[in-house]
Amino acid sequence: MNKYTGLENLKKYSNKKIRVITKNQNVFTGVYSIYTPAGDNDPEIESISLETPKRYYDINTPDIINIEVVD
């Protein structure tokens, strides 16, 4: 398990504005709002949701290489 998987590792970001960088070098910035465990997701991969003023992004946690809190 990497440091960006599992609810215990991710709950510290709850309701905070964060910047997420993925393995594909995509960058997403928004408020971390939802954690979805693998068993509740199709395909069965855990994910987080970021809320932005225009939309929600659902990001699979195994694809995350960095998360930082944005003030």
C-alpha atoms as a PDB file:
ATOM      1  CA  MET A   1       0.000   0.000   0.000  1.00  0.00           C
ATOM      2  CA  ASN A   2       1.388   3.408  -0.884  1.00  0.00           C
ATOM      3  CA  LYS A   3       0.891   6.514   1.217  1.00  0.00           C
ATOM      4  CA  TYR A   4      -1.988   7.704  -0.984  1.00  0.00           C
ATOM      5  CA  THR A   5      -4.179   4.623  -0.615  1.00  0.00           C
ATOM      6  CA  GLY A   6      -6.466   3.597   2.222  1.00  0.00           C
ATOM      7  CA  LEU A   7      -8.858   5.741   4.201  1.00  0.00           C
ATOM      8  CA  GLU A   8      -6.465   6.054   7.157  1.00  0.00           C
ATOM      9  CA  ASN A   9      -3.815   7.647   4.920  1.00  0.00           C
ATOM     10  CA  LEU A  10      -6.256   9.937   3.112  1.00  0.00           C
ATOM     11  CA  LYS A  11      -8.587  11.211   5.844  1.00  0.00           C
ATOM     12  CA  LYS A  12      -6.153  13.989   6.803  1.00  0.00           C
ATOM     13  CA  TYR A  13      -7.024  15.676   3.475  1.00  0.00           C
ATOM     14  CA  SER A  14     -10.793  15.578   4.056  1.00  0.00           C
ATOM     15  CA  ASN A  15     -12.511  18.889   3.212  1.00  0.00           C
ATOM     16  CA  LYS A  16      -9.185  20.540   2.360  1.00  0.00           C
ATOM     17  CA  LYS A  17      -8.187  22.084  -0.939  1.00  0.00           C
ATOM     18  CA  ILE A  18      -5.529  19.815  -2.416  1.00  0.00           C
ATOM     19  CA  ARG A  19      -3.478  19.407  -5.575  1.00  0.00           C
ATOM     20  CA  VAL A  20      -3.191  15.848  -6.896  1.00  0.00           C
ATOM     21  CA  ILE A  21      -0.597  14.699  -9.430  1.00  0.00           C
ATOM     22  CA  THR A  22      -1.184  11.379 -11.184  1.00  0.00           C
ATOM     23  CA  LYS A  23       1.155   8.904 -12.882  1.00  0.00           C
ATOM     24  CA  ASN A  24       0.126  10.428 -16.237  1.00  0.00           C
ATOM     25  CA  GLN A  25       1.323  13.838 -14.944  1.00  0.00           C
ATOM     26  CA  ASN A  26      -2.245  15.172 -14.843  1.00  0.00           C
ATOM     27  CA  VAL A  27      -2.748  17.818 -12.155  1.00  0.00           C
ATOM     28  CA  PHE A  28      -6.101  18.257 -10.392  1.00  0.00           C
ATOM     29  CA  THR A  29      -6.861  20.937  -7.799  1.00  0.00           C
ATOM     30  CA  GLY A  30     -10.011  20.947  -5.710  1.00  0.00           C
ATOM     31  CA  VAL A  31     -11.566  20.135  -2.349  1.00  0.00           C
ATOM     32  CA  TYR A  32     -11.210  16.484  -1.329  1.00  0.00           C
ATOM     33  CA  SER A  33     -14.778  15.463  -0.611  1.00  0.00           C
ATOM     34  CA  ILE A  34     -15.327  11.698  -0.941  1.00  0.00           C
ATOM     35  CA  TYR A  35     -13.338   8.499  -0.408  1.00  0.00           C
ATOM     36  CA  THR A  36     -14.739   5.427  -2.191  1.00  0.00           C
ATOM     37  CA  PRO A  37     -13.410   2.017  -1.081  1.00  0.00           C
ATOM     38  CA  ALA A  38     -12.628  -0.589  -3.732  1.00  0.00           C
ATOM     39  CA  GLY A  39     -15.663  -2.738  -2.890  1.00  0.00           C
ATOM     40  CA  ASP A  40     -18.023   0.182  -3.559  1.00  0.00           C
ATOM     41  CA  ASN A  41     -16.471   1.151  -6.883  1.00  0.00           C
ATOM     42  CA  ASP A  42     -16.641  -0.301 -10.402  1.00  0.00           C
ATOM     43  CA  PRO A  43     -14.014  -1.379 -11.291  1.00  0.00           C
ATOM     44  CA  GLU A  44     -13.004  -2.423  -7.802  1.00  0.00           C
ATOM     45  CA  ILE A  45     -10.335   0.237  -7.323  1.00  0.00           C
ATOM     46  CA  GLU A  46     -10.501   2.753  -4.485  1.00  0.00           C
ATOM     47  CA  SER A  47     -10.787   6.405  -5.442  1.00  0.00           C
ATOM     48  CA  ILE A  48     -11.139   9.926  -4.135  1.00  0.00           C
ATOM     49  CA  SER A  49     -13.342  12.726  -5.424  1.00  0.00           C
ATOM     50  CA  LEU A  50     -12.251  16.319  -5.802  1.00  0.00           C
ATOM     51  CA  GLU A  51     -14.842  19.073  -6.009  1.00  0.00           C
ATOM     52  CA  THR A  52     -14.113  22.140  -8.143  1.00  0.00           C
ATOM     53  CA  PRO A  53     -16.410  25.054  -8.971  1.00  0.00           C
ATOM     54  CA  LYS A  54     -17.175  23.472 -12.370  1.00  0.00           C
ATOM     55  CA  ARG A  55     -17.196  19.698 -11.734  1.00  0.00           C
ATOM     56  CA  TYR A  56     -16.182  16.679  -9.672  1.00  0.00           C
ATOM     57  CA  TYR A  57     -13.118  14.584 -10.497  1.00  0.00           C
ATOM     58  CA  ASP A  58     -12.915  10.927  -9.489  1.00  0.00           C
ATOM     59  CA  ILE A  59      -9.277   9.809  -9.201  1.00  0.00           C
ATOM     60  CA  ASN A  60      -8.204   6.207  -8.652  1.00  0.00           C
ATOM     61  CA  THR A  61      -5.801   6.173  -5.709  1.00  0.00           C
ATOM     62  CA  PRO A  62      -3.236   3.778  -7.297  1.00  0.00           C
ATOM     63  CA  ASP A  63      -2.716   6.472  -9.977  1.00  0.00           C
ATOM     64  CA  ILE A  64      -1.772   9.170  -7.439  1.00  0.00           C
ATOM     65  CA  ILE A  65       1.919  10.004  -7.091  1.00  0.00           C
ATOM     66  CA  ASN A  66       1.604  13.181  -5.010  1.00  0.00           C
ATOM     67  CA  ILE A  67      -0.915  15.098  -2.915  1.00  0.00           C
ATOM     68  CA  GLU A  68      -0.257  18.509  -1.420  1.00  0.00           C
ATOM     69  CA  VAL A  69      -2.511  20.813   0.579  1.00  0.00           C
ATOM     70  CA  VAL A  70      -3.147  24.157  -1.136  1.00  0.00           C
ATOM     71  CA  ASP A  71      -3.888  27.178   1.049  1.00  0.00           C
END
